[in-house]
Structure formats: C-alpha cells, structure tokens
N, C-alpha and C. Protein backbone atom coordinates (compact mmCIF):
# COMPACT_ATOMS: atom_id res chain seq x y z
N MET A 1 2.85 17.27 -20.34
CA MET A 1 4.30 17.39 -20.15
C MET A 1 4.95 17.93 -21.42
N LYS A 2 5.82 18.95 -21.25
CA LYS A 2 6.46 19.56 -22.42
C LYS A 2 7.51 18.64 -22.99
N PRO A 3 7.67 18.67 -24.28
CA PRO A 3 8.76 17.88 -24.89
C PRO A 3 10.09 18.35 -24.35
N LYS A 4 11.02 17.40 -24.24
CA LYS A 4 12.33 17.72 -23.66
C LYS A 4 13.06 18.76 -24.48
N THR A 5 12.95 18.68 -25.78
CA THR A 5 13.65 19.64 -26.63
C THR A 5 13.18 21.05 -26.35
N LEU A 6 11.88 21.19 -26.05
CA LEU A 6 11.33 22.50 -25.78
C LEU A 6 11.84 23.02 -24.44
N ILE A 7 11.96 22.10 -23.45
CA ILE A 7 12.47 22.49 -22.13
C ILE A 7 13.91 22.96 -22.25
N ILE A 8 14.71 22.21 -23.00
CA ILE A 8 16.12 22.58 -23.19
C ILE A 8 16.21 23.93 -23.88
N ALA A 9 15.41 24.15 -24.90
CA ALA A 9 15.42 25.41 -25.61
C ALA A 9 15.04 26.55 -24.68
N THR A 10 14.03 26.34 -23.86
CA THR A 10 13.58 27.37 -22.93
C THR A 10 14.65 27.66 -21.90
N GLU A 11 15.28 26.61 -21.39
CA GLU A 11 16.33 26.78 -20.38
C GLU A 11 17.51 27.53 -20.96
N ASN A 12 17.89 27.12 -22.16
CA ASN A 12 19.00 27.81 -22.80
C ASN A 12 18.67 29.27 -23.05
N ALA A 13 17.42 29.51 -23.47
CA ALA A 13 17.00 30.88 -23.72
C ALA A 13 17.06 31.70 -22.44
N GLU A 14 16.62 31.12 -21.32
CA GLU A 14 16.64 31.82 -20.04
C GLU A 14 18.08 32.12 -19.61
N LYS A 15 18.92 31.13 -19.79
CA LYS A 15 20.32 31.31 -19.43
C LYS A 15 20.96 32.38 -20.31
N HIS A 16 20.61 32.34 -21.59
CA HIS A 16 21.17 33.34 -22.50
C HIS A 16 20.68 34.73 -22.13
N ARG A 17 19.37 34.84 -21.80
CA ARG A 17 18.82 36.14 -21.41
C ARG A 17 19.47 36.63 -20.12
N GLU A 18 19.70 35.67 -19.19
CA GLU A 18 20.34 36.04 -17.93
C GLU A 18 21.75 36.55 -18.20
N GLY A 19 22.44 35.90 -19.18
CA GLY A 19 23.78 36.36 -19.53
C GLY A 19 23.77 37.75 -20.13
N ILE A 20 22.76 38.02 -20.97
CA ILE A 20 22.63 39.35 -21.56
C ILE A 20 22.39 40.39 -20.48
N GLU A 21 21.51 40.04 -19.52
CA GLU A 21 21.21 40.98 -18.45
C GLU A 21 22.45 41.28 -17.61
N ASN A 22 23.22 40.21 -17.30
CA ASN A 22 24.46 40.39 -16.53
C ASN A 22 25.47 41.22 -17.31
N LYS A 23 25.56 40.94 -18.61
CA LYS A 23 26.49 41.70 -19.45
C LYS A 23 26.07 43.16 -19.52
N THR A 24 24.75 43.38 -19.62
CA THR A 24 24.25 44.76 -19.68
C THR A 24 24.55 45.50 -18.38
N LEU A 25 24.33 44.82 -17.25
CA LEU A 25 24.64 45.43 -15.95
C LEU A 25 26.12 45.79 -15.86
N LEU A 26 26.98 44.87 -16.34
CA LEU A 26 28.41 45.11 -16.30
C LEU A 26 28.79 46.29 -17.20
N GLN A 27 28.18 46.34 -18.39
CA GLN A 27 28.44 47.44 -19.31
C GLN A 27 27.99 48.77 -18.71
N ASN A 28 26.80 48.76 -18.10
CA ASN A 28 26.31 49.99 -17.47
C ASN A 28 27.21 50.44 -16.34
N PHE A 29 27.70 49.45 -15.57
CA PHE A 29 28.61 49.78 -14.48
C PHE A 29 29.91 50.40 -15.01
N CYS A 30 30.45 49.79 -16.07
CA CYS A 30 31.69 50.30 -16.67
C CYS A 30 31.49 51.69 -17.23
N ILE A 31 30.34 51.91 -17.88
CA ILE A 31 30.05 53.23 -18.43
C ILE A 31 29.96 54.25 -17.31
N SER A 32 29.24 53.89 -16.24
CA SER A 32 29.09 54.81 -15.11
C SER A 32 30.44 55.12 -14.48
N LEU A 33 31.28 54.06 -14.37
CA LEU A 33 32.60 54.26 -13.80
C LEU A 33 33.43 55.19 -14.67
N CYS A 34 33.38 54.98 -15.99
CA CYS A 34 34.15 55.82 -16.91
C CYS A 34 33.68 57.27 -16.84
N VAL A 35 32.36 57.46 -16.77
CA VAL A 35 31.81 58.81 -16.69
C VAL A 35 32.27 59.48 -15.40
N SER A 36 32.24 58.71 -14.30
CA SER A 36 32.66 59.27 -13.01
C SER A 36 34.13 59.64 -13.03
N LEU A 37 34.96 58.74 -13.58
CA LEU A 37 36.40 59.01 -13.64
C LEU A 37 36.67 60.20 -14.54
N ARG A 38 35.97 60.30 -15.66
CA ARG A 38 36.16 61.44 -16.57
C ARG A 38 35.75 62.74 -15.88
N SER A 39 34.64 62.68 -15.12
CA SER A 39 34.19 63.87 -14.41
C SER A 39 35.23 64.32 -13.39
N LEU A 40 35.80 63.33 -12.68
CA LEU A 40 36.84 63.66 -11.70
C LEU A 40 38.06 64.24 -12.40
N TRP A 41 38.41 63.67 -13.56
CA TRP A 41 39.58 64.18 -14.30
C TRP A 41 39.35 65.61 -14.76
N LEU A 42 38.13 65.85 -15.31
CA LEU A 42 37.83 67.20 -15.77
C LEU A 42 37.83 68.18 -14.60
N LEU A 43 37.30 67.74 -13.48
CA LEU A 43 37.25 68.61 -12.31
C LEU A 43 38.64 68.97 -11.84
N SER A 44 39.52 67.97 -11.80
CA SER A 44 40.89 68.24 -11.34
C SER A 44 41.70 68.97 -12.39
N ALA A 45 41.43 68.66 -13.67
CA ALA A 45 42.23 69.27 -14.73
C ALA A 45 42.00 70.76 -14.83
N PHE A 46 40.78 71.19 -14.53
CA PHE A 46 40.48 72.60 -14.73
C PHE A 46 40.23 73.35 -13.43
N GLN A 47 40.60 72.71 -12.31
CA GLN A 47 40.67 73.45 -11.07
C GLN A 47 42.04 74.10 -10.98
N PHE A 48 42.11 75.21 -10.27
CA PHE A 48 43.40 75.85 -10.11
C PHE A 48 44.22 75.10 -9.07
N PRO A 49 45.47 74.76 -9.40
CA PRO A 49 46.32 74.16 -8.39
C PRO A 49 46.69 75.20 -7.33
N LYS A 50 47.26 74.74 -6.24
CA LYS A 50 47.67 75.67 -5.20
C LYS A 50 48.73 76.60 -5.75
N MET A 51 48.43 77.88 -5.73
CA MET A 51 49.32 78.87 -6.33
C MET A 51 50.21 79.51 -5.27
N PRO A 52 51.43 79.88 -5.66
CA PRO A 52 52.35 80.52 -4.71
C PRO A 52 51.94 81.95 -4.39
N SER A 53 51.87 82.25 -3.13
CA SER A 53 51.66 83.61 -2.62
C SER A 53 50.37 84.25 -3.12
N ASP A 54 50.16 85.48 -2.73
CA ASP A 54 49.01 86.27 -3.14
C ASP A 54 49.25 86.79 -4.55
N ILE A 55 48.23 86.72 -5.42
CA ILE A 55 48.43 87.16 -6.81
C ILE A 55 48.73 88.65 -6.89
N LYS A 56 48.50 89.38 -5.81
CA LYS A 56 48.86 90.79 -5.81
C LYS A 56 50.37 90.96 -5.91
N ASN A 57 51.11 89.91 -5.54
CA ASN A 57 52.58 89.98 -5.57
C ASN A 57 53.17 89.44 -6.87
N TRP A 58 52.33 88.92 -7.75
CA TRP A 58 52.85 88.39 -9.02
C TRP A 58 53.28 89.58 -9.87
N ASP A 59 54.54 89.59 -10.26
CA ASP A 59 55.07 90.77 -10.94
C ASP A 59 55.96 90.46 -12.13
N VAL A 60 55.94 89.22 -12.60
CA VAL A 60 56.74 88.86 -13.77
C VAL A 60 55.86 88.94 -15.01
N LEU A 61 56.13 89.91 -15.86
CA LEU A 61 55.33 90.13 -17.07
C LEU A 61 55.73 89.11 -18.15
N VAL A 62 54.76 88.28 -18.57
CA VAL A 62 55.05 87.27 -19.58
C VAL A 62 54.26 87.48 -20.87
N GLY A 63 53.32 88.42 -20.85
CA GLY A 63 52.54 88.67 -22.06
C GLY A 63 51.53 89.78 -21.85
N ARG A 64 50.80 90.07 -22.91
CA ARG A 64 49.76 91.11 -22.84
C ARG A 64 48.62 90.73 -23.79
N VAL A 65 47.41 90.92 -23.30
CA VAL A 65 46.24 90.59 -24.11
C VAL A 65 46.08 91.63 -25.21
N LYS A 66 46.13 91.17 -26.45
CA LYS A 66 46.01 92.08 -27.59
C LYS A 66 44.56 92.24 -28.04
N GLY A 67 43.72 91.31 -27.64
CA GLY A 67 42.32 91.43 -28.03
C GLY A 67 41.62 90.09 -27.95
N ARG A 68 40.42 90.06 -28.48
CA ARG A 68 39.58 88.85 -28.47
C ARG A 68 39.74 88.11 -29.80
N TRP A 69 39.57 86.79 -29.71
CA TRP A 69 39.62 85.95 -30.90
C TRP A 69 38.40 85.04 -30.91
N ASP A 70 37.73 84.96 -32.04
CA ASP A 70 36.49 84.18 -32.14
C ASP A 70 35.49 84.71 -31.11
N HIS A 71 34.86 83.78 -30.41
CA HIS A 71 33.79 84.21 -29.49
C HIS A 71 34.36 84.79 -28.19
N ALA A 72 35.16 84.01 -27.49
CA ALA A 72 35.65 84.49 -26.19
C ALA A 72 37.06 84.01 -25.87
N LYS A 73 37.84 83.76 -26.91
CA LYS A 73 39.24 83.41 -26.69
C LYS A 73 40.08 84.68 -26.61
N LEU A 74 41.26 84.55 -26.02
CA LEU A 74 42.15 85.70 -25.88
C LEU A 74 43.32 85.58 -26.85
N ARG A 75 43.67 86.68 -27.46
CA ARG A 75 44.85 86.76 -28.32
C ARG A 75 45.96 87.42 -27.49
N ILE A 76 46.99 86.65 -27.17
CA ILE A 76 48.02 87.11 -26.24
C ILE A 76 49.36 87.25 -26.95
N ALA A 77 49.96 88.44 -26.84
CA ALA A 77 51.31 88.67 -27.34
C ALA A 77 52.28 88.20 -26.25
N PRO A 78 53.14 87.22 -26.54
CA PRO A 78 54.02 86.69 -25.50
C PRO A 78 55.28 87.51 -25.31
N PHE A 79 55.71 87.65 -24.07
CA PHE A 79 57.01 88.24 -23.75
C PHE A 79 57.93 87.19 -23.16
N SER A 80 57.50 85.96 -23.17
CA SER A 80 58.27 84.85 -22.60
C SER A 80 58.35 83.72 -23.61
N GLN A 81 59.50 83.07 -23.66
CA GLN A 81 59.70 81.93 -24.55
C GLN A 81 59.74 80.62 -23.76
N ALA A 82 59.40 80.67 -22.48
CA ALA A 82 59.44 79.47 -21.65
C ALA A 82 58.48 78.42 -22.19
N ALA A 83 58.94 77.18 -22.25
CA ALA A 83 58.12 76.11 -22.77
C ALA A 83 56.86 75.92 -21.93
N GLY A 84 55.72 75.83 -22.59
CA GLY A 84 54.47 75.58 -21.90
C GLY A 84 53.88 76.78 -21.18
N ARG A 85 54.48 77.94 -21.36
CA ARG A 85 53.99 79.11 -20.62
C ARG A 85 52.52 79.41 -20.95
N PHE A 86 52.14 79.19 -22.21
CA PHE A 86 50.75 79.44 -22.61
C PHE A 86 50.08 78.15 -23.09
N GLY A 87 50.62 77.02 -22.68
CA GLY A 87 50.07 75.74 -23.09
C GLY A 87 48.89 75.31 -22.23
N GLN A 88 48.30 74.17 -22.61
CA GLN A 88 47.15 73.65 -21.88
C GLN A 88 47.50 73.44 -20.41
N GLY A 89 46.66 73.94 -19.54
CA GLY A 89 46.87 73.79 -18.10
C GLY A 89 47.64 74.92 -17.45
N ALA A 90 48.21 75.81 -18.26
CA ALA A 90 48.97 76.92 -17.70
C ALA A 90 48.06 77.85 -16.91
N VAL A 91 48.54 78.30 -15.77
CA VAL A 91 47.80 79.24 -14.93
C VAL A 91 48.45 80.61 -15.03
N LEU A 92 47.64 81.61 -15.36
CA LEU A 92 48.14 82.95 -15.59
C LEU A 92 47.31 83.95 -14.78
N CYS A 93 47.96 85.02 -14.37
CA CYS A 93 47.26 86.10 -13.69
C CYS A 93 47.03 87.21 -14.70
N VAL A 94 45.78 87.58 -14.89
CA VAL A 94 45.47 88.66 -15.82
C VAL A 94 45.21 89.91 -15.00
N ALA A 95 45.93 90.98 -15.35
CA ALA A 95 45.84 92.24 -14.61
C ALA A 95 45.34 93.32 -15.55
N PRO A 96 44.05 93.56 -15.59
CA PRO A 96 43.50 94.59 -16.50
C PRO A 96 43.85 95.99 -16.03
N GLU A 97 43.74 96.93 -16.93
CA GLU A 97 44.04 98.32 -16.59
C GLU A 97 43.10 98.83 -15.51
N GLU A 98 41.87 98.36 -15.56
CA GLU A 98 40.89 98.70 -14.54
C GLU A 98 40.26 97.42 -14.02
N GLY A 99 40.06 97.34 -12.72
CA GLY A 99 39.45 96.15 -12.15
C GLY A 99 40.46 95.28 -11.44
N ALA A 100 39.96 94.25 -10.80
CA ALA A 100 40.79 93.38 -9.98
C ALA A 100 41.52 92.34 -10.83
N ARG A 101 42.63 91.88 -10.30
CA ARG A 101 43.34 90.78 -10.94
C ARG A 101 42.55 89.49 -10.76
N ARG A 102 42.79 88.54 -11.67
CA ARG A 102 42.13 87.25 -11.56
C ARG A 102 43.01 86.19 -12.20
N LEU A 103 42.78 84.96 -11.79
CA LEU A 103 43.52 83.84 -12.37
C LEU A 103 42.74 83.25 -13.53
N LEU A 104 43.47 82.88 -14.58
CA LEU A 104 42.89 82.18 -15.71
C LEU A 104 43.69 80.90 -15.94
N LYS A 105 42.98 79.85 -16.33
CA LYS A 105 43.65 78.60 -16.67
C LYS A 105 43.40 78.28 -18.13
N VAL A 106 44.46 78.00 -18.85
CA VAL A 106 44.37 77.76 -20.29
C VAL A 106 43.83 76.35 -20.54
N ARG A 107 42.67 76.28 -21.20
CA ARG A 107 42.11 74.98 -21.58
C ARG A 107 42.81 74.43 -22.81
N GLU A 108 43.01 75.29 -23.78
CA GLU A 108 43.74 74.90 -25.00
C GLU A 108 44.26 76.17 -25.66
N SER A 109 45.30 75.99 -26.46
CA SER A 109 45.90 77.16 -27.11
C SER A 109 46.53 76.75 -28.43
N GLU A 110 46.75 77.75 -29.27
CA GLU A 110 47.45 77.52 -30.53
C GLU A 110 48.20 78.79 -30.91
N TRP A 111 49.33 78.60 -31.57
CA TRP A 111 50.14 79.72 -32.04
C TRP A 111 49.64 80.14 -33.41
N LYS A 112 49.28 81.41 -33.54
CA LYS A 112 48.72 81.85 -34.80
C LYS A 112 49.05 83.31 -35.05
N ASN A 113 49.67 83.58 -36.19
CA ASN A 113 49.97 84.95 -36.61
C ASN A 113 50.72 85.76 -35.55
N GLY A 114 51.72 85.14 -34.94
CA GLY A 114 52.57 85.85 -34.00
C GLY A 114 51.99 86.06 -32.61
N ALA A 115 50.95 85.29 -32.27
CA ALA A 115 50.36 85.43 -30.94
C ALA A 115 49.78 84.08 -30.51
N TRP A 116 49.55 83.94 -29.21
CA TRP A 116 48.91 82.75 -28.67
C TRP A 116 47.40 82.99 -28.61
N ILE A 117 46.64 82.07 -29.19
CA ILE A 117 45.19 82.12 -29.09
C ILE A 117 44.81 81.15 -27.97
N CYS A 118 44.32 81.69 -26.87
CA CYS A 118 44.10 80.88 -25.67
C CYS A 118 42.62 80.83 -25.30
N ASP A 119 42.14 79.61 -25.12
CA ASP A 119 40.80 79.41 -24.57
C ASP A 119 40.94 79.31 -23.07
N CYS A 120 40.49 80.34 -22.37
CA CYS A 120 40.62 80.40 -20.90
C CYS A 120 39.26 80.25 -20.23
N ASP A 121 38.32 79.63 -20.93
CA ASP A 121 37.01 79.34 -20.37
C ASP A 121 36.22 80.61 -20.06
N LEU A 122 36.46 81.66 -20.81
CA LEU A 122 35.64 82.85 -20.68
C LEU A 122 34.30 82.60 -21.37
N ARG A 123 33.23 83.11 -20.81
CA ARG A 123 31.90 82.74 -21.28
C ARG A 123 31.35 83.65 -22.38
N THR A 124 31.69 84.92 -22.33
CA THR A 124 31.09 85.86 -23.28
C THR A 124 32.17 86.66 -24.00
N SER A 125 31.79 87.18 -25.15
CA SER A 125 32.72 88.02 -25.90
C SER A 125 33.00 89.32 -25.16
N GLU A 126 32.00 89.80 -24.41
CA GLU A 126 32.19 91.03 -23.64
C GLU A 126 33.24 90.82 -22.54
N GLU A 127 33.20 89.65 -21.94
CA GLU A 127 34.18 89.34 -20.88
C GLU A 127 35.59 89.31 -21.45
N ALA A 128 35.74 88.73 -22.63
CA ALA A 128 37.05 88.67 -23.27
C ALA A 128 37.49 90.05 -23.75
N GLU A 129 36.56 90.80 -24.31
CA GLU A 129 36.88 92.13 -24.83
C GLU A 129 37.35 93.06 -23.72
N ALA A 130 36.80 92.89 -22.52
CA ALA A 130 37.15 93.75 -21.39
C ALA A 130 38.59 93.56 -20.94
N LEU A 131 39.21 92.45 -21.34
CA LEU A 131 40.58 92.17 -20.92
C LEU A 131 41.63 92.68 -21.91
N LYS A 132 41.19 93.32 -22.97
CA LYS A 132 42.13 93.85 -23.95
C LYS A 132 43.08 94.84 -23.28
N GLY A 133 44.38 94.65 -23.51
CA GLY A 133 45.39 95.52 -22.91
C GLY A 133 45.88 95.06 -21.55
N ALA A 134 45.26 94.01 -21.00
CA ALA A 134 45.66 93.53 -19.67
C ALA A 134 47.03 92.86 -19.72
N ASP A 135 47.81 93.05 -18.67
CA ASP A 135 49.09 92.37 -18.55
C ASP A 135 48.86 90.92 -18.10
N ILE A 136 49.70 90.02 -18.58
CA ILE A 136 49.68 88.63 -18.15
C ILE A 136 50.90 88.41 -17.26
N LEU A 137 50.66 88.03 -16.02
CA LEU A 137 51.72 87.93 -15.02
C LEU A 137 51.82 86.53 -14.44
N ILE A 138 53.01 86.21 -13.92
CA ILE A 138 53.21 85.00 -13.14
C ILE A 138 54.01 85.37 -11.89
N ASP A 139 54.07 84.46 -10.95
CA ASP A 139 54.89 84.66 -9.76
C ASP A 139 56.34 84.33 -10.10
N ARG A 140 57.26 84.95 -9.39
CA ARG A 140 58.69 84.70 -9.67
C ARG A 140 59.07 83.24 -9.48
N SER A 141 58.41 82.59 -8.53
CA SER A 141 58.73 81.18 -8.27
C SER A 141 58.29 80.26 -9.39
N MET A 142 57.47 80.75 -10.32
CA MET A 142 56.96 79.93 -11.42
C MET A 142 57.87 79.96 -12.64
N ARG A 143 58.93 80.76 -12.57
CA ARG A 143 59.86 80.82 -13.71
C ARG A 143 60.71 79.55 -13.79
N PRO A 144 61.14 79.18 -14.99
CA PRO A 144 62.01 78.00 -15.13
C PRO A 144 63.35 78.23 -14.41
N GLU A 145 63.88 77.14 -13.89
CA GLU A 145 65.21 77.23 -13.28
C GLU A 145 66.25 77.49 -14.36
N LEU A 146 67.19 78.36 -14.05
CA LEU A 146 68.24 78.69 -15.00
C LEU A 146 69.47 77.82 -14.77
N ALA A 147 70.30 77.78 -15.78
CA ALA A 147 71.55 77.04 -15.66
C ALA A 147 72.47 77.75 -14.67
N PRO A 148 73.40 77.03 -14.06
CA PRO A 148 74.34 77.67 -13.13
C PRO A 148 75.06 78.85 -13.80
N GLY A 149 75.14 79.96 -13.08
CA GLY A 149 75.79 81.14 -13.62
C GLY A 149 74.86 82.07 -14.37
N GLU A 150 73.60 81.66 -14.54
CA GLU A 150 72.62 82.53 -15.20
C GLU A 150 71.67 83.10 -14.15
N PHE A 151 71.20 84.34 -14.40
CA PHE A 151 70.35 85.02 -13.44
C PHE A 151 69.26 85.80 -14.17
N TYR A 152 68.12 85.91 -13.51
CA TYR A 152 67.10 86.82 -14.00
C TYR A 152 67.48 88.23 -13.60
N SER A 153 66.99 89.21 -14.36
CA SER A 153 67.39 90.60 -14.12
C SER A 153 67.11 91.06 -12.69
N ASP A 154 65.93 90.69 -12.17
CA ASP A 154 65.59 91.16 -10.83
C ASP A 154 66.49 90.55 -9.76
N GLN A 155 67.12 89.40 -10.07
CA GLN A 155 68.03 88.78 -9.11
C GLN A 155 69.37 89.52 -9.05
N LEU A 156 69.65 90.30 -10.08
CA LEU A 156 70.91 91.05 -10.11
C LEU A 156 70.82 92.38 -9.36
N ILE A 157 69.59 92.88 -9.21
CA ILE A 157 69.41 94.14 -8.49
C ILE A 157 69.89 93.98 -7.04
N GLY A 158 70.74 94.92 -6.62
CA GLY A 158 71.27 94.87 -5.26
C GLY A 158 72.61 94.17 -5.15
N MET A 159 73.06 93.48 -6.21
CA MET A 159 74.39 92.88 -6.17
C MET A 159 75.44 93.98 -6.19
N ARG A 160 76.55 93.73 -5.50
CA ARG A 160 77.63 94.72 -5.43
C ARG A 160 78.61 94.51 -6.57
N VAL A 161 79.00 95.61 -7.20
CA VAL A 161 79.93 95.57 -8.32
C VAL A 161 81.33 95.93 -7.84
N GLN A 162 82.27 95.06 -8.15
CA GLN A 162 83.67 95.31 -7.82
C GLN A 162 84.52 95.08 -9.06
N THR A 163 85.59 95.84 -9.17
CA THR A 163 86.50 95.63 -10.30
C THR A 163 87.42 94.45 -10.00
N GLU A 164 88.12 94.01 -10.99
CA GLU A 164 89.06 92.91 -10.82
C GLU A 164 90.18 93.27 -9.85
N ASN A 165 90.35 94.58 -9.60
CA ASN A 165 91.35 95.05 -8.65
C ASN A 165 90.78 95.26 -7.25
N GLY A 166 89.48 94.94 -7.07
CA GLY A 166 88.87 95.06 -5.76
C GLY A 166 88.22 96.41 -5.46
N GLU A 167 88.17 97.31 -6.44
CA GLU A 167 87.56 98.61 -6.22
C GLU A 167 86.04 98.49 -6.23
N ASP A 168 85.40 99.12 -5.25
CA ASP A 168 83.94 99.03 -5.11
C ASP A 168 83.26 100.08 -5.98
N TRP A 169 82.39 99.62 -6.87
CA TRP A 169 81.65 100.55 -7.73
C TRP A 169 80.18 100.66 -7.34
N GLY A 170 79.82 100.15 -6.19
CA GLY A 170 78.45 100.27 -5.70
C GLY A 170 77.54 99.12 -6.11
N GLU A 171 76.29 99.19 -5.69
CA GLU A 171 75.31 98.15 -5.99
C GLU A 171 74.57 98.44 -7.29
N ILE A 172 74.12 97.38 -7.92
CA ILE A 172 73.32 97.54 -9.13
C ILE A 172 71.95 98.08 -8.72
N GLU A 173 71.63 99.26 -9.20
CA GLU A 173 70.38 99.92 -8.84
C GLU A 173 69.32 99.75 -9.92
N GLU A 174 69.77 99.55 -11.13
CA GLU A 174 68.85 99.48 -12.26
C GLU A 174 69.52 98.73 -13.39
N ILE A 175 68.71 98.14 -14.24
CA ILE A 175 69.23 97.45 -15.42
C ILE A 175 68.52 98.01 -16.65
N LEU A 176 69.30 98.62 -17.52
CA LEU A 176 68.75 99.19 -18.75
C LEU A 176 68.79 98.15 -19.86
N GLU A 177 67.70 98.05 -20.60
CA GLU A 177 67.63 97.08 -21.68
C GLU A 177 67.73 97.77 -23.03
N SER A 178 68.40 97.10 -23.94
CA SER A 178 68.49 97.59 -25.32
C SER A 178 68.51 96.38 -26.24
N SER A 179 68.44 96.62 -27.52
CA SER A 179 68.46 95.51 -28.47
C SER A 179 69.81 94.80 -28.50
N ALA A 180 70.86 95.50 -28.11
CA ALA A 180 72.20 94.91 -28.14
C ALA A 180 72.53 94.14 -26.87
N HIS A 181 72.26 94.75 -25.72
CA HIS A 181 72.61 94.11 -24.44
C HIS A 181 71.97 94.90 -23.30
N GLU A 182 72.08 94.33 -22.09
CA GLU A 182 71.63 95.04 -20.89
C GLU A 182 72.80 95.82 -20.31
N THR A 183 72.49 96.85 -19.53
CA THR A 183 73.52 97.66 -18.90
C THR A 183 73.22 97.77 -17.41
N PHE A 184 74.22 97.42 -16.59
CA PHE A 184 74.07 97.53 -15.15
C PHE A 184 74.35 98.98 -14.73
N VAL A 185 73.47 99.53 -13.93
CA VAL A 185 73.61 100.91 -13.48
C VAL A 185 73.91 100.91 -11.99
N THR A 186 75.02 101.53 -11.61
CA THR A 186 75.33 101.76 -10.21
C THR A 186 75.51 103.27 -10.01
N ALA A 187 75.75 103.67 -8.78
CA ALA A 187 75.94 105.10 -8.50
C ALA A 187 77.20 105.63 -9.16
N ARG A 188 78.13 104.74 -9.49
CA ARG A 188 79.41 105.18 -10.04
C ARG A 188 79.67 104.81 -11.49
N ALA A 189 78.93 103.83 -11.99
CA ALA A 189 79.30 103.32 -13.31
C ALA A 189 78.11 102.81 -14.12
N LEU A 190 78.34 102.70 -15.42
CA LEU A 190 77.42 102.06 -16.36
C LEU A 190 78.18 100.92 -17.01
N ILE A 191 77.78 99.70 -16.73
CA ILE A 191 78.55 98.54 -17.19
C ILE A 191 77.73 97.69 -18.15
N PRO A 192 78.11 97.64 -19.43
CA PRO A 192 77.40 96.77 -20.37
C PRO A 192 77.55 95.31 -19.94
N ASP A 193 76.46 94.58 -19.98
CA ASP A 193 76.49 93.17 -19.59
C ASP A 193 76.95 92.31 -20.76
N VAL A 194 78.25 92.41 -21.02
CA VAL A 194 78.89 91.61 -22.07
C VAL A 194 80.20 91.05 -21.48
N PRO A 195 80.66 89.91 -21.97
CA PRO A 195 81.85 89.27 -21.40
C PRO A 195 83.09 90.17 -21.38
N GLU A 196 83.16 91.12 -22.28
CA GLU A 196 84.32 92.01 -22.32
C GLU A 196 84.48 92.80 -21.03
N TRP A 197 83.35 93.15 -20.39
CA TRP A 197 83.43 93.95 -19.16
C TRP A 197 82.94 93.21 -17.92
N VAL A 198 81.94 92.36 -18.05
CA VAL A 198 81.47 91.60 -16.89
C VAL A 198 82.21 90.26 -16.86
N LEU A 199 83.10 90.12 -15.88
CA LEU A 199 83.98 88.95 -15.83
C LEU A 199 83.36 87.78 -15.08
N ARG A 200 82.60 88.09 -14.03
CA ARG A 200 82.04 87.00 -13.21
C ARG A 200 80.86 87.53 -12.39
N VAL A 201 79.84 86.68 -12.24
CA VAL A 201 78.69 86.98 -11.37
C VAL A 201 78.59 85.85 -10.36
N ASP A 202 78.77 86.16 -9.09
CA ASP A 202 78.74 85.16 -8.03
C ASP A 202 77.43 85.30 -7.25
N GLY A 203 76.58 84.31 -7.42
CA GLY A 203 75.28 84.36 -6.75
C GLY A 203 75.38 84.14 -5.26
N GLN A 204 76.42 83.45 -4.80
CA GLN A 204 76.59 83.19 -3.38
C GLN A 204 77.00 84.45 -2.62
N THR A 205 78.02 85.13 -3.12
CA THR A 205 78.50 86.34 -2.45
C THR A 205 77.76 87.58 -2.93
N ARG A 206 76.99 87.43 -4.02
CA ARG A 206 76.26 88.53 -4.65
C ARG A 206 77.21 89.66 -5.04
N ILE A 207 78.31 89.25 -5.65
CA ILE A 207 79.30 90.20 -6.14
C ILE A 207 79.48 90.00 -7.64
N VAL A 208 79.42 91.11 -8.37
CA VAL A 208 79.67 91.11 -9.81
C VAL A 208 81.05 91.70 -10.04
N THR A 209 81.93 90.90 -10.62
CA THR A 209 83.30 91.36 -10.89
C THR A 209 83.38 91.87 -12.32
N VAL A 210 83.87 93.10 -12.47
CA VAL A 210 83.94 93.72 -13.80
C VAL A 210 85.37 94.16 -14.10
N LYS A 211 85.59 94.42 -15.36
CA LYS A 211 86.91 94.89 -15.79
C LYS A 211 87.14 96.31 -15.29
N SER A 212 88.34 96.57 -14.83
CA SER A 212 88.69 97.89 -14.31
C SER A 212 88.98 98.82 -15.49
N ASP A 213 87.92 99.47 -15.97
CA ASP A 213 88.03 100.36 -17.13
C ASP A 213 87.45 101.72 -16.73
N PRO A 214 88.26 102.77 -16.62
CA PRO A 214 87.78 104.09 -16.23
C PRO A 214 86.69 104.61 -17.17
N GLY A 215 86.67 104.10 -18.38
CA GLY A 215 85.67 104.56 -19.35
C GLY A 215 84.24 104.17 -18.96
N LEU A 216 84.11 103.24 -18.01
CA LEU A 216 82.79 102.82 -17.57
C LEU A 216 82.23 103.68 -16.44
N LEU A 217 83.11 104.51 -15.85
CA LEU A 217 82.67 105.35 -14.73
C LEU A 217 81.79 106.49 -15.23
N ARG A 218 80.86 106.90 -14.40
CA ARG A 218 79.95 107.97 -14.78
C ARG A 218 80.58 109.33 -14.49
C-alpha cells in the first residue's frame, strides 16, 4: 500500500497536469479563433466592395501614376484633395494608355515628395512599371457631397444661363479652367465664375443667374 502522502502528491500532480492540458486546449482554441477571425478580417479588408456601375463609365480624374516606387508601389500625382482618396482601403480605377482598365485597392500609403506612394498589392516591378502614365479614376457617385450651393463642374454643364433681367443667354456648353477662375461658355456669352458676375446657381431649376453686362456677350 502506498503512503498517503505519495497518493496525495500523485493525485495533485494528475489534477495539475489535467489543468495544464485543459488550459492548453483553451489556449489553442483561442489562438485558432484569433487566426480565423484575422483571416476573415484580411479577406474582407482587401476584397473589393460593391462598386457603382461599370468601371468603363468611371470618368472623374483624381490622379495619375507618375512611376514606380521601391519594388512594386505606385507613385501617384493627386488631382484631388478629398480626404482619404488615396488612403488605406481606397478603391481606384487605373486606366493605362494601353490595355484594359482595372480596379486597385490601396493597402497602405504615405505622402512623400509631393506624391502619394501607394501599395496596391502589385506583385512585380514590371507590373507597376507598366502603369506609368495611367489615369486614376473614380465614379461620380464616389465624390464627397458638397455643401448646399456648391456644384461640381460637370453638374453645371447644361444649366441655362439667364441675366438678372430674365434674358436667356443659352446653356452652359463648356467650362474653361484657369489659375484665376473658371469661365462658363454658352453660345452667346463667356461668364467668369466669380461673384461679381455669377449671382446665383439654382440646382433645382438648373438656372444660373448672371449680371446683365453686355461686355460678357460674345
């Protein structure tokens, strides 16, 4: 017959070992769960969300690929100041001079020397180099909402221009850009988009009211 002290020691040891085994199983389960959740997060984080319309219709220019950076990152010159436009998770349409358009999702980015350095999960330097000169586009629906009374240029095309006296100067056919201001072009007039001449823009009626100045007529 074994001494009682030895039996107690053995029993305690067995219980302790059983506790270790249970703890190990729990730790393994937690690790497996964390790995699974991380895998699901990575899968969802870098999958493309449902995008609006066909990318063939994306026509808002927000940047241009200036070249490759490091191994396979893209150096992008931005034409947009919208917050997060080139941030992590941003989805962009790259339209090369030759070849089909494709979607890229930004894994990470940093602002450096006047350009965005974007990791878009490209695999080779050749793949990145081939995109040099490509336009970076988004869909119109992806633009930030503007404050009341503000409009994007393409939203002004087709609006009818009337003077404060009710004279019809035709529809806006084109918008000329310059460093000073934009200019609305109609069949009858050239109207600088400045408060001195553009008095009101009504998005509901799609009427632009301008100052009645003969000097603006073509």
